Each structure stands twice: as structure tokens, then as C-alpha cells.
Protein backbone atom coordinates (compact mmCIF):
# COMPACT_ATOMS: atom_id res chain seq x y z
CA MET A 1 -17.93 9.09 -1.30
CA ASP A 2 -20.27 11.16 -3.16
CA TYR A 3 -23.37 11.12 -1.12
CA LEU A 4 -25.54 12.92 -3.46
CA SER A 5 -24.94 9.98 -5.91
CA LEU A 6 -25.29 7.58 -3.15
CA LEU A 7 -28.65 8.81 -2.06
CA LEU A 8 -29.94 8.77 -5.70
CA LEU A 9 -28.86 5.22 -6.11
CA ILE A 10 -30.47 4.49 -2.72
CA THR A 11 -33.95 5.72 -4.26
CA ILE A 12 -33.42 3.19 -6.87
CA VAL A 13 -32.61 0.41 -4.55
CA TRP A 14 -35.93 1.17 -2.69
CA LEU A 15 -37.70 0.30 -6.08
CA SER A 16 -35.72 -2.95 -6.42
CA ILE A 17 -37.96 -5.80 -5.24
CA ARG A 18 -34.97 -8.04 -4.78
CA VAL A 19 -33.45 -5.63 -2.39
CA LEU A 20 -36.56 -4.45 -0.76
CA ILE A 21 -37.41 -8.23 -0.08
CA SER A 22 -33.72 -8.70 1.44
CA SER A 23 -34.11 -5.81 3.67
CA PHE A 24 -36.78 -7.61 5.73
CA LYS A 25 -34.60 -10.53 6.31
CA PRO A 26 -32.73 -10.79 9.66
CA ILE A 27 -29.61 -8.74 9.15
CA ARG A 28 -27.73 -9.61 12.45
CA SER A 29 -27.53 -12.97 14.41
CA SER A 30 -27.34 -12.62 18.07
CA LYS A 31 -23.99 -14.57 17.55
CA TYR A 32 -22.47 -11.97 15.18
CA PRO A 33 -20.03 -9.47 16.51
CA PRO A 34 -21.39 -6.37 18.04
CA GLY A 35 -22.05 -3.37 15.77
CA PRO A 36 -24.03 -0.14 15.21
CA HIS A 37 -27.74 -0.86 14.43
CA PRO A 38 -28.17 -0.57 10.64
CA PHE A 39 -30.74 1.38 8.68
CA PRO A 40 -33.01 -0.48 6.22
CA ILE A 41 -31.29 -1.09 2.89
CA ILE A 42 -28.32 1.24 3.10
CA GLY A 43 -27.20 -0.56 6.48
CA ASN A 44 -24.18 1.37 8.01
CA ILE A 45 -22.80 2.89 4.86
CA LEU A 46 -23.29 6.53 6.30
CA LYS A 47 -20.91 5.48 9.26
CA LEU A 48 -18.01 5.35 6.97
CA GLY A 49 -17.54 8.99 6.02
CA ASN A 50 -14.68 10.20 3.92
CA GLN A 51 -12.00 8.73 6.25
CA PRO A 52 -13.32 5.07 6.80
CA HIS A 53 -10.29 4.08 8.88
CA GLN A 54 -10.87 6.77 11.12
CA SER A 55 -14.64 6.28 11.47
CA LEU A 56 -14.14 2.43 11.91
CA ALA A 57 -11.55 3.13 14.76
CA LYS A 58 -13.99 5.31 16.62
CA LEU A 59 -16.75 2.69 16.25
CA SER A 60 -14.42 -0.01 17.50
CA GLN A 61 -13.86 1.99 20.58
CA ILE A 62 -17.70 1.48 21.40
CA TYR A 63 -18.29 -2.20 19.93
CA GLY A 64 -14.72 -3.70 20.49
CA PRO A 65 -11.97 -5.27 18.72
CA ILE A 66 -14.31 -7.41 16.56
CA MET A 67 -17.41 -5.82 15.20
CA SER A 68 -19.96 -6.19 12.43
CA LEU A 69 -21.49 -3.71 10.08
CA LYS A 70 -23.96 -4.08 7.14
CA LEU A 71 -22.81 -2.13 4.18
CA GLY A 72 -25.80 -2.52 1.88
CA VAL A 73 -26.26 -6.18 1.52
CA THR A 74 -22.64 -6.95 2.41
CA THR A 75 -21.79 -8.14 5.96
CA THR A 76 -18.44 -6.64 6.99
CA ILE A 77 -16.37 -7.87 9.79
CA VAL A 78 -13.89 -5.17 11.19
CA ILE A 79 -10.85 -6.27 13.17
CA SER A 80 -9.09 -3.71 15.35
CA SER A 81 -6.68 -5.72 17.75
CA PRO A 82 -3.49 -7.66 17.25
CA ARG A 83 -4.99 -10.79 18.93
CA VAL A 84 -8.02 -11.09 16.55
CA ALA A 85 -5.81 -10.12 13.62
CA LYS A 86 -3.46 -13.10 14.47
CA GLU A 87 -6.62 -15.39 14.51
CA VAL A 88 -7.54 -14.29 11.11
CA LEU A 89 -4.10 -13.93 9.36
CA GLN A 90 -2.31 -16.76 10.86
CA LYS A 91 -4.25 -19.37 12.95
CA LYS A 92 -7.12 -19.48 10.60
CA ASP A 93 -5.64 -17.88 7.56
CA LEU A 94 -6.59 -20.75 5.15
CA ILE A 95 -10.31 -20.05 5.89
CA PHE A 96 -9.74 -16.26 5.44
CA ALA A 97 -7.28 -16.36 2.71
CA ASN A 98 -9.56 -15.36 -0.01
CA ARG A 99 -10.42 -11.84 -1.09
CA ALA A 100 -13.34 -9.68 -1.04
CA ILE A 101 -13.01 -8.27 -4.63
CA PRO A 102 -14.04 -4.48 -5.02
CA ASN A 103 -15.94 -3.97 -8.42
CA THR A 104 -13.22 -1.78 -9.77
CA VAL A 105 -10.53 -4.49 -9.51
CA ARG A 106 -12.77 -6.57 -11.98
CA ALA A 107 -11.57 -4.32 -14.87
CA LEU A 108 -9.83 -6.22 -17.48
CA ASP A 109 -10.26 -9.21 -15.44
CA HIS A 110 -7.52 -8.23 -13.07
CA HIS A 111 -9.19 -10.13 -10.46
CA ILE A 112 -8.69 -13.26 -12.27
CA LEU A 113 -5.10 -12.84 -13.21
CA SER A 114 -3.75 -10.92 -10.18
CA MET A 115 -1.64 -12.61 -7.68
CA VAL A 116 -2.96 -10.04 -5.06
CA TRP A 117 -6.64 -10.70 -5.75
CA MET A 118 -7.01 -14.25 -6.99
CA PRO A 119 -7.77 -17.21 -4.33
CA PRO A 120 -4.76 -19.09 -3.10
CA VAL A 121 -5.20 -21.81 -5.71
CA ALA A 122 -2.31 -23.53 -7.63
CA GLN A 123 -2.00 -20.71 -9.96
CA TRP A 124 -1.51 -18.28 -7.12
CA ARG A 125 1.20 -20.45 -5.45
CA ILE A 126 3.01 -20.56 -8.80
CA LEU A 127 3.17 -16.69 -9.15
CA ARG A 128 3.84 -16.35 -5.52
CA ARG A 129 6.91 -18.63 -5.92
CA ALA A 130 8.02 -16.69 -8.93
CA CYS A 131 7.69 -13.41 -6.94
CA ALA A 132 10.05 -15.15 -4.05
CA THR A 133 12.58 -16.33 -6.59
CA LYS A 134 12.66 -14.01 -9.53
CA VAL A 135 11.74 -10.65 -8.12
CA PHE A 136 12.50 -10.34 -4.33
CA SER A 137 14.98 -12.86 -3.41
CA SER A 138 17.96 -11.59 -1.36
CA GLN A 139 20.46 -12.62 -3.94
CA LEU A 140 18.53 -10.62 -6.73
CA LEU A 141 17.98 -7.61 -4.60
CA ASP A 142 21.83 -7.49 -3.57
CA SER A 143 22.81 -7.83 -7.16
CA THR A 144 20.54 -4.87 -8.26
CA GLN A 145 21.18 -2.69 -5.30
CA VAL A 146 24.02 -0.80 -7.51
CA PHE A 147 20.97 0.59 -9.67
CA ARG A 148 19.03 1.74 -6.61
CA GLN A 149 22.21 3.45 -5.37
CA ARG A 150 22.56 5.26 -8.52
CA LYS A 151 19.02 6.39 -8.27
CA VAL A 152 19.44 7.74 -4.78
CA GLN A 153 22.61 9.72 -6.05
CA GLU A 154 20.43 11.26 -8.82
CA LEU A 155 17.91 12.32 -6.11
CA MET A 156 20.85 13.76 -4.20
CA ASP A 157 22.07 15.75 -7.20
CA TYR A 158 18.61 16.97 -7.76
CA VAL A 159 18.40 18.14 -4.21
CA LYS A 160 21.66 19.88 -4.51
CA GLU A 161 20.43 21.70 -7.56
CA ARG A 162 17.45 22.99 -5.65
CA CYS A 163 19.79 23.88 -2.63
CA ASN A 164 22.04 25.85 -4.73
CA ARG A 165 19.26 27.97 -6.08
CA GLY A 166 17.45 28.25 -2.76
CA GLU A 167 14.31 26.62 -4.13
CA ALA A 168 11.86 24.33 -2.49
CA LEU A 169 10.97 20.88 -3.42
CA ASP A 170 7.87 18.51 -2.79
CA ILE A 171 9.18 15.66 -1.10
CA GLY A 172 6.42 13.31 -2.22
CA GLU A 173 7.04 14.21 -5.98
CA ALA A 174 10.95 13.61 -5.58
CA SER A 175 10.35 10.52 -3.56
CA PHE A 176 7.91 9.29 -6.10
CA THR A 177 10.38 9.79 -9.02
CA THR A 178 13.27 8.16 -7.05
CA VAL A 179 11.28 5.03 -6.18
CA LEU A 180 9.63 4.97 -9.79
CA ASN A 181 13.15 4.75 -11.46
CA SER A 182 14.49 2.61 -8.68
CA ILE A 183 11.88 -0.11 -9.32
CA SER A 184 11.80 0.34 -13.07
CA ASN A 185 15.67 -0.30 -13.16
CA THR A 186 15.33 -3.25 -11.07
CA PHE A 187 12.66 -4.67 -13.10
CA PHE A 188 13.13 -3.39 -16.71
CA SER A 189 16.83 -1.94 -16.58
CA MET A 190 15.54 1.61 -17.50
CA ASP A 191 14.52 5.02 -16.11
CA LEU A 192 10.93 5.95 -16.79
CA ALA A 193 11.03 9.76 -15.63
CA HIS A 194 13.08 12.76 -14.64
CA TYR A 195 12.65 14.90 -11.78
CA THR A 196 11.70 17.84 -14.04
CA SER A 197 9.74 15.83 -16.73
CA ASP A 198 5.80 15.48 -17.27
CA LYS A 199 6.54 11.62 -17.43
CA SER A 200 6.68 11.35 -13.49
CA GLN A 201 3.55 13.32 -12.99
CA GLU A 202 1.89 11.12 -15.69
CA PHE A 203 2.72 7.80 -14.01
CA ARG A 204 1.78 9.41 -10.63
CA ASP A 205 -1.54 10.23 -11.71
CA ILE A 206 -2.31 6.70 -13.01
CA ILE A 207 -0.94 5.03 -9.83
CA TRP A 208 -2.93 7.55 -7.52
CA GLY A 209 -5.90 6.93 -9.65
CA ILE A 210 -5.84 3.29 -9.21
CA MET A 211 -5.26 3.47 -5.39
CA GLU A 212 -8.21 5.99 -4.97
CA GLU A 213 -10.42 4.14 -7.18
CA ALA A 214 -9.86 0.85 -5.40
CA GLY A 215 -10.24 2.40 -2.02
CA ARG A 216 -13.13 4.78 -2.50
CA PRO A 217 -16.41 3.53 -1.34
CA ASN A 218 -18.48 2.46 -4.35
CA VAL A 219 -22.11 1.73 -4.17
CA VAL A 220 -21.79 -1.45 -6.50
CA ASP A 221 -19.83 -3.18 -3.75
CA PHE A 222 -22.72 -2.40 -1.41
CA PHE A 223 -25.41 -3.34 -3.87
CA PRO A 224 -23.99 -5.90 -6.57
CA ILE A 225 -27.25 -5.87 -8.24
CA PHE A 226 -25.73 -2.49 -10.02
CA ARG A 227 -22.66 -4.23 -11.08
CA LEU A 228 -23.48 -3.99 -14.82
CA LEU A 229 -24.53 -0.36 -14.68
CA ASP A 230 -21.32 0.91 -12.85
CA PRO A 231 -23.52 4.05 -11.88
CA GLN A 232 -20.31 5.85 -10.36
CA GLY A 233 -18.23 4.96 -13.47
CA ALA A 234 -15.45 3.82 -11.09
CA ARG A 235 -14.97 0.45 -13.09
CA ARG A 236 -14.88 2.25 -16.32
CA ARG A 237 -12.15 4.76 -14.98
CA MET A 238 -10.03 1.74 -13.38
CA LYS A 239 -10.25 0.07 -16.78
CA GLY A 240 -8.60 3.27 -18.55
CA TYR A 241 -5.76 3.34 -15.75
CA PHE A 242 -5.08 -0.48 -15.91
CA GLY A 243 -5.15 -0.35 -19.88
CA LYS A 244 -2.40 2.17 -19.87
CA LEU A 245 -0.10 0.40 -17.61
CA ILE A 246 -0.56 -2.97 -19.07
CA ALA A 247 -0.14 -1.51 -22.67
CA PHE A 248 3.11 -0.03 -21.45
CA PHE A 249 4.45 -3.26 -19.73
CA ASP A 250 3.32 -5.38 -22.84
CA GLY A 251 5.16 -2.90 -25.02
CA LEU A 252 8.31 -3.65 -22.88
CA ILE A 253 7.87 -7.37 -23.33
CA GLU A 254 7.32 -7.14 -27.17
CA GLU A 255 10.62 -5.11 -27.49
CA ARG A 256 12.47 -7.65 -25.41
CA LEU A 257 11.10 -10.35 -27.62
CA ARG A 258 12.08 -8.63 -30.55
CA LEU A 259 15.67 -8.08 -29.32
CA ARG A 260 16.06 -11.65 -28.46
CA ALA A 261 14.83 -12.86 -31.90
CA LEU A 262 17.28 -10.36 -33.61
CA GLU A 263 20.29 -11.45 -31.59
CA ASN A 264 19.26 -15.15 -31.63
CA GLU A 265 20.27 -15.28 -27.96
CA SER A 266 18.91 -14.17 -24.59
CA ASN A 267 19.25 -10.51 -23.83
CA ALA A 268 22.04 -9.55 -21.32
CA CYS A 269 19.90 -7.41 -19.24
CA ASN A 270 19.43 -9.97 -16.48
CA ASP A 271 16.59 -8.04 -14.84
CA VAL A 272 13.34 -9.07 -13.47
CA LEU A 273 11.61 -8.81 -16.96
CA ASP A 274 14.12 -11.26 -18.29
CA SER A 275 13.74 -13.71 -15.31
CA MET A 276 9.91 -13.62 -15.83
CA MET A 277 10.03 -13.98 -19.52
CA GLU A 278 12.31 -17.01 -19.17
CA LEU A 279 9.54 -18.45 -16.94
CA MET A 280 6.81 -17.47 -19.31
CA LEU A 281 8.57 -18.99 -22.47
CA GLU A 282 9.26 -22.34 -20.90
CA ASP A 283 7.53 -25.39 -22.60
CA ASN A 284 4.20 -25.84 -20.84
CA SER A 285 4.64 -22.92 -18.57
CA GLN A 286 1.72 -22.07 -16.41
CA VAL A 287 2.92 -18.40 -16.17
CA THR A 288 1.21 -16.82 -19.31
CA ARG A 289 1.83 -13.26 -20.75
CA PRO A 290 -1.30 -12.01 -19.24
CA HIS A 291 0.01 -13.21 -15.82
CA VAL A 292 3.07 -11.40 -16.13
CA LEU A 293 1.46 -8.28 -17.20
CA HIS A 294 -1.05 -8.24 -14.42
CA LEU A 295 1.76 -9.24 -12.06
CA PHE A 296 3.98 -6.10 -12.96
CA LEU A 297 0.85 -4.10 -12.62
CA ASP A 298 0.42 -5.21 -8.84
CA LEU A 299 4.18 -4.90 -8.01
CA PHE A 300 4.53 -1.63 -9.85
CA VAL A 301 1.42 0.16 -8.41
CA ALA A 302 1.71 -1.15 -4.84
CA GLY A 303 5.40 -0.87 -4.65
CA ILE A 304 5.89 2.78 -5.77
CA ASP A 305 3.04 4.51 -3.95
CA THR A 306 3.43 2.84 -0.59
CA THR A 307 7.11 3.50 -0.50
CA SER A 308 7.06 7.06 -1.62
CA SER A 309 4.11 8.03 0.67
CA SER A 310 6.03 6.41 3.57
CA ILE A 311 9.12 8.26 3.03
CA GLU A 312 7.02 11.62 2.97
CA TRP A 313 5.26 10.91 6.15
CA ALA A 314 8.61 9.92 7.86
CA MET A 315 10.11 13.32 6.73
CA SER A 316 6.85 15.06 7.87
CA GLU A 317 7.01 13.60 11.22
CA LEU A 318 10.77 14.26 11.81
CA LEU A 319 10.43 17.83 10.76
CA ARG A 320 7.68 18.26 13.40
CA ASN A 321 9.88 16.49 15.98
CA PRO A 322 13.42 18.38 15.32
CA GLU A 323 15.04 16.60 18.34
CA LYS A 324 14.14 13.06 16.79
CA LEU A 325 15.57 14.44 13.31
CA GLU A 326 18.82 15.58 15.05
CA LYS A 327 19.16 12.14 16.69
CA VAL A 328 18.91 10.35 13.24
CA ARG A 329 21.59 12.80 11.80
CA LYS A 330 24.01 12.16 14.74
CA GLU A 331 23.54 8.30 14.26
CA LEU A 332 24.37 8.69 10.42
CA GLN A 333 27.45 10.82 11.13
CA GLN A 334 28.74 8.31 13.55
CA VAL A 335 28.20 5.37 11.25
CA LEU A 336 29.56 6.84 8.17
CA VAL A 337 33.02 8.20 7.37
CA LYS A 338 32.66 11.90 6.02
CA GLY A 339 32.19 11.59 2.12
CA GLU A 340 31.34 7.87 2.36
CA GLN A 341 28.26 6.92 0.09
CA LEU A 342 25.27 5.53 2.05
CA GLU A 343 24.81 1.78 1.08
CA GLU A 344 21.90 -0.61 1.87
CA SER A 345 24.36 -2.69 4.03
CA HIS A 346 24.65 0.39 6.42
CA ILE A 347 21.04 0.06 7.35
CA SER A 348 21.58 -2.65 9.91
CA LYS A 349 24.03 -0.34 11.77
CA LEU A 350 21.31 2.41 12.15
CA PRO A 351 19.02 1.31 14.91
CA PHE A 352 17.48 4.75 15.34
CA LEU A 353 16.67 5.09 11.68
CA GLN A 354 14.98 1.65 11.71
CA ALA A 355 13.05 2.83 14.69
CA VAL A 356 11.90 6.01 12.83
CA VAL A 357 10.71 3.92 9.94
CA LYS A 358 8.80 1.55 12.43
CA GLU A 359 7.15 4.37 14.10
CA THR A 360 6.04 5.82 10.77
CA PHE A 361 4.62 2.60 9.79
CA ARG A 362 2.57 2.54 13.06
CA LEU A 363 1.12 6.09 12.85
CA HIS A 364 0.90 5.97 9.10
CA PRO A 365 0.27 2.41 7.74
CA PRO A 366 0.74 2.54 3.94
CA VAL A 367 -2.46 0.50 3.61
CA PRO A 368 -4.52 1.53 6.62
CA LEU A 369 -7.33 -1.17 6.01
CA LEU A 370 -5.37 -4.35 4.80
CA VAL A 371 -6.57 -5.60 1.27
CA PRO A 372 -9.92 -7.30 2.24
CA HIS A 373 -10.15 -10.76 3.13
CA LYS A 374 -13.22 -13.00 2.91
CA SER A 375 -14.43 -15.99 4.76
CA GLU A 376 -14.91 -19.20 3.02
CA VAL A 377 -17.40 -20.87 5.39
CA ASP A 378 -19.29 -19.85 8.36
CA ILE A 379 -16.67 -19.86 11.34
CA GLU A 380 -16.45 -18.99 14.80
CA LEU A 381 -14.19 -16.29 15.59
CA CYS A 382 -13.43 -15.15 19.34
CA ASP A 383 -16.72 -16.70 20.27
CA PHE A 384 -18.67 -14.86 17.58
CA MET A 385 -20.08 -16.22 14.35
CA VAL A 386 -18.60 -14.83 10.95
CA PRO A 387 -20.89 -15.74 8.02
CA LYS A 388 -19.73 -17.15 4.84
CA SER A 389 -18.67 -14.73 2.29
CA ALA A 390 -18.42 -11.82 4.89
CA GLN A 391 -15.74 -9.26 4.02
CA ILE A 392 -13.14 -8.82 6.64
CA LEU A 393 -11.24 -5.64 7.15
CA VAL A 394 -8.20 -5.37 9.45
CA ASN A 395 -7.94 -1.72 10.51
CA LEU A 396 -4.12 -1.31 11.10
CA TRP A 397 -4.72 2.40 11.53
CA ALA A 398 -6.74 1.73 14.60
CA MET A 399 -4.29 -0.83 15.98
CA GLY A 400 -1.39 1.72 15.75
CA ARG A 401 -3.29 4.24 17.87
CA ASP A 402 -4.61 2.00 20.45
CA SER A 403 -3.64 3.18 23.73
CA SER A 404 -3.82 -0.34 25.35
CA ILE A 405 -0.99 -1.43 23.05
CA TRP A 406 1.10 1.86 22.71
CA PRO A 407 1.68 4.38 25.43
CA ASN A 408 0.96 7.79 24.15
CA PRO A 409 -0.17 6.38 20.77
CA ASN A 410 -0.66 9.69 19.02
CA GLU A 411 2.95 11.02 19.57
CA PHE A 412 5.76 10.22 17.12
CA THR A 413 8.20 8.43 19.65
CA PRO A 414 10.65 6.10 17.61
CA GLN A 415 12.69 5.30 20.82
CA ARG A 416 9.63 2.89 21.81
CA PHE A 417 11.20 0.50 19.46
CA LEU A 418 14.71 0.80 20.75
CA GLU A 419 13.34 -1.00 23.95
CA SER A 420 11.32 -3.57 21.84
CA ASP A 421 12.02 -6.41 19.46
CA ILE A 422 8.89 -5.54 17.63
CA ASP A 423 9.33 -5.89 13.83
CA PHE A 424 7.19 -5.17 10.68
CA LYS A 425 7.85 -8.55 9.15
CA GLY A 426 4.69 -10.25 9.81
CA HIS A 427 5.43 -11.99 13.21
CA ASP A 428 4.47 -9.25 15.57
CA PHE A 429 0.92 -8.46 14.95
CA GLU A 430 1.11 -5.14 16.90
CA LEU A 431 2.89 -3.83 13.68
CA ILE A 432 1.92 -5.45 10.21
CA PRO A 433 1.91 -2.69 7.71
CA PHE A 434 2.69 -5.43 5.16
CA GLY A 435 0.09 -7.86 6.43
CA ALA A 436 0.90 -11.27 7.68
CA GLY A 437 0.49 -14.88 6.84
CA ARG A 438 0.14 -16.45 3.33
CA ARG A 439 -1.06 -12.94 1.95
CA ILE A 440 1.66 -11.03 3.34
CA CYS A 441 3.05 -8.52 0.87
CA PRO A 442 5.69 -10.18 -1.34
CA GLY A 443 7.42 -6.68 -1.97
CA LEU A 444 8.23 -6.20 1.65
CA PRO A 445 12.21 -6.82 1.17
CA LEU A 446 12.36 -4.33 -1.55
CA ALA A 447 10.18 -1.65 0.26
CA SER A 448 12.19 -1.94 3.33
CA ARG A 449 15.45 -1.34 1.46
CA THR A 450 14.15 1.61 -0.46
CA THR A 451 12.52 3.43 2.39
CA HIS A 452 15.44 3.23 4.69
CA ILE A 453 18.07 4.23 2.03
CA VAL A 454 16.13 7.06 0.51
CA LEU A 455 15.21 8.55 3.93
CA ALA A 456 18.68 8.23 5.32
CA SER A 457 20.23 9.99 2.30
CA LEU A 458 17.75 12.85 2.60
CA LEU A 459 18.53 13.18 6.06
CA TYR A 460 22.23 12.53 6.11
CA ASN A 461 23.33 15.44 3.48
CA TYR A 462 20.74 18.14 4.24
CA ASP A 463 18.97 20.14 6.90
CA TRP A 464 15.36 21.15 5.83
CA ASN A 465 13.27 24.02 6.29
CA LEU A 466 9.56 24.66 5.62
CA GLU A 467 8.77 26.96 2.75
CA ASP A 468 7.45 30.46 3.42
CA GLY A 469 9.01 30.54 6.99
CA LYS A 470 6.25 28.20 8.13
CA LYS A 471 6.91 26.70 11.75
CA ALA A 472 6.74 22.73 12.29
CA GLN A 473 3.57 23.12 14.51
CA ASP A 474 1.75 24.68 11.60
CA MET A 475 2.40 21.41 9.22
CA ASP A 476 -0.71 20.05 7.94
CA ILE A 477 -0.60 16.19 8.50
CA SER A 478 -4.22 15.56 7.62
CA GLU A 479 -4.62 12.32 5.46
CA LYS A 480 -6.12 11.57 2.07
CA TYR A 481 -7.74 8.09 1.98
CA GLY A 482 -7.37 5.56 -0.71
CA ILE A 483 -6.08 1.99 -0.55
CA THR A 484 -2.87 3.79 0.48
CA LEU A 485 -2.85 6.58 3.01
CA ARG A 486 -1.22 9.84 1.76
CA LYS A 487 -0.58 13.27 3.14
CA ALA A 488 -3.57 15.29 2.03
CA GLN A 489 -1.30 18.40 1.58
CA PRO A 490 2.14 17.85 0.04
CA LEU A 491 5.31 18.40 2.15
CA VAL A 492 7.23 21.07 0.38
CA VAL A 493 10.48 22.18 1.91
CA ILE A 494 13.75 24.07 1.32
CA PRO A 495 17.13 21.99 1.39
CA ILE A 496 19.94 23.53 3.33
CA GLN A 497 23.52 21.97 2.93
CA ALA A 498 24.43 20.27 6.22
């Protein structure tokens, strides 16, 4: 957060009679969860720092697995244990199913049209059902895996080219382009970028911009009185990012409608766009064109960024732990016949690879603080009172590094999952990188397939060295915070033919 801007805005807040009066009201009930004592007006804002997930994890070690903070005028409840997360996301999920909406997400009315941000009303259920049947069903994903395999092969061709030249490549960039084209082929039957084109970077800048703006602390979320002013310009920037993607998706829909009219029959693509358009064009359909546009915005942004960053984190951890990397390679060599192409069906035969992905999700959850929930009523939670409209944050990063849950929590130890049935599909609350309950991420099936197949392909075909002769122990694994958690320094490596 830009704290100079924050302090200037706080000065304005002091001059606001409304906020000044509210500051003298009791800000903490004795029945509220414990938490740090808030300053007048600003509350605990300064406790967040530039790595809120880490700051909140440290505070939870002092105040416990359920704590409360005052962020400006907003009461925030932070959950840092699987037991309490299960109460919120499963046992009482109907009460906590609404969203606390960041001001940036209000750009272009995204919070009204988006399945991620709208309340769980009838329209939400319609969109959720459409995702389950038209986008992420096992049948559809099986039928489109040939597209994803083709994109993985293109990645291997690009890596081979770099290998032959002795050139390094940025794993994050390469993974991003692969996942971008994999998803765009599944959704739209087309590539959107090439590994050496500016188009990939253009999409990357937009998607990263959205994730950073949505995750960055914003004064307006702490003091809604400034919503119309948008003093940090965050909503204005988000409007620009949203507008570019929605205009792009709208152009695809317009072109597909034109082809249908020209041919006087359904287009033969049979992809996700066709399926959603058929739903949209039904008589009395409750899925409108704006709903489809904003749904693609959600699925596109979340799916590409989280998946590509998870691949980069997994590669980084394996390079820092060469004995684990070698174990993955041996497993791949045992399962695959030499020269055989890796397919999604092989994943179930690769338990150590699966353990590597789980361990990566534990240490580096794609969304360190789950998309915020909100309580609908005053509700008791674990003997504490959670007030109506309180923001609920589930700190997955803290849960993944809790020594009471995980022995040696800061070590990358995939084998811990070989001795455990814990999975990441929303039933085991020790590991819920995609959330749980009715708000679980609908893209989990595709993200899982893509992460495993891209990671396995990179490891099976090549050895890897850090550029400039760097040693594994010198690797920078610091984090860059947004809604998603990315490496602050990109992983740049040189491929060596295995």
C-alpha cells in the first residue's frame, strides 16, 4: 500500500464529522474474537504491511485461529485454522456465503454480473450450473484434452528451441502463454498468443493488473465514504482492465453470431463459447450476454494466473530440492515408455507428482487469503460473536505453515502426502487452495489437469540449470502479493536435454 497516500487520506478522514463520530463508538465487543488494539479512525490498517497474508499469520500466532481487526470502519474476522474454516465454509456456509466486495470489483458493475462476487441467489445458481455442465464437466474436459496436449507439445517445441541455442527462458512467462492458449482453445477454439509475441505480455499485463488491483489494500474499502472519489484511482484502473477483456470477449461473441447467421446453422466449433451462446440464445434465457461476458472475465483471469503461478512455484521448489526433482523424474520414467507422449490419463499413475502439486499448494496457495466472505447476520462462531456485515478472511497461507498441522511446515516435503489421504478438492480443510463449500472454485478440475500435465512435461523431457551459474540455495523465493501469490523474482532457467 502507498502509505503516504493513506496518511494524507486519513487527514481528510479526521475532518469528516461522520467518521469522527463513529470513532468514538465502541469498536470491540468483549464477545468479539480477540485482536490487536485499534488506533482511532484507522484501526489496525498499519498492521497489514505490504504482505498482508504474512502479517495476519504472525498476528494469529498471538491472538489465535479466529481474531478480529478494525480496518478503518470495517470489522474483519481472520480465520487461520482448518477447524474454524470448516465452520465458516461448510457447516455455516449459507450464512457466510455472501461476499465482501472490494471497491475495485464494482468497476463496470462486475460485482452485480459476476458469479464470483454476486450473492448466492437464483441467478448465481443458474451460472454455477452452467459452469458445471457447459464448461468444467468431466465429459467436456475429456473431449477437449487434445487441444491442451497440443499446447503442451508447442511448449516442448519452444523449450527445445531454447535448449538447442543454450538460451534461458522465464518459466512463468512460458507457463502463462501455455495456459493462456490452453484455456483459449478450450473456450474459444483459438490461440491468443505465441511465445515470442507481444500479445502474451499484453494479456499478462492485463490479468496481473486485475489481480493486483483487486488484492491491494484500498483506502475506499476501509472508509466507504470516499467511494465516489476513488482517491487511489484503483477502480478507474480496474475499469480499464475489465473493459479491454470484455471488449475482446464481446468481439468473439459478435463474430460467432455473424458466422451463425451467414451459415444459417450452428457453428461447428463445439467449444465452451458455443455452449454458452446456445444457453444465452434460448427463449426466455436467464443467462444474458453481459452475464456470459463477465463469466468469461472471471474464468479467464482466475484460471490463467493461478495455474501458471502454481507451475512456476512448483518448478522453483523442485530446483531448490534436487533430490525431490530426481524422484519425480524417475517416477515419470517408470510410468512412460520412452518416446511416449504424456497424457492427462497418466496423472493418476504418478503419486509423487501429485504430492509435489499438493505440497506446492500448501506452501504457496494460489490465493493466500480466500476471496473474502461476509456474514449476513450477527452469528456466534466458536464461542465468539461475528457481527453482521463483517468481512471474513480465511488465511490459507497461515494454515499451510502451521506447525500444529504440518511437521516442519516451512520445508518442501512432498512425501508427507504419500502417507496421507488429504486432497485439495474441498473436503480436507487442512488444504483448500480452491476454497470449499458452495463457493468452491468451479475451475478446480481444469486447473488440476493443466498444472499436472504442464509440470510433468517440463520435468520429464529436460534437466534445468539456473542462469548465470547460480546455485539453488541462492534462489529468491520471495512473494509478490495480490489476490494471487506470485514469485517476486521470475524463475529464469536453462533447459538441458535429458
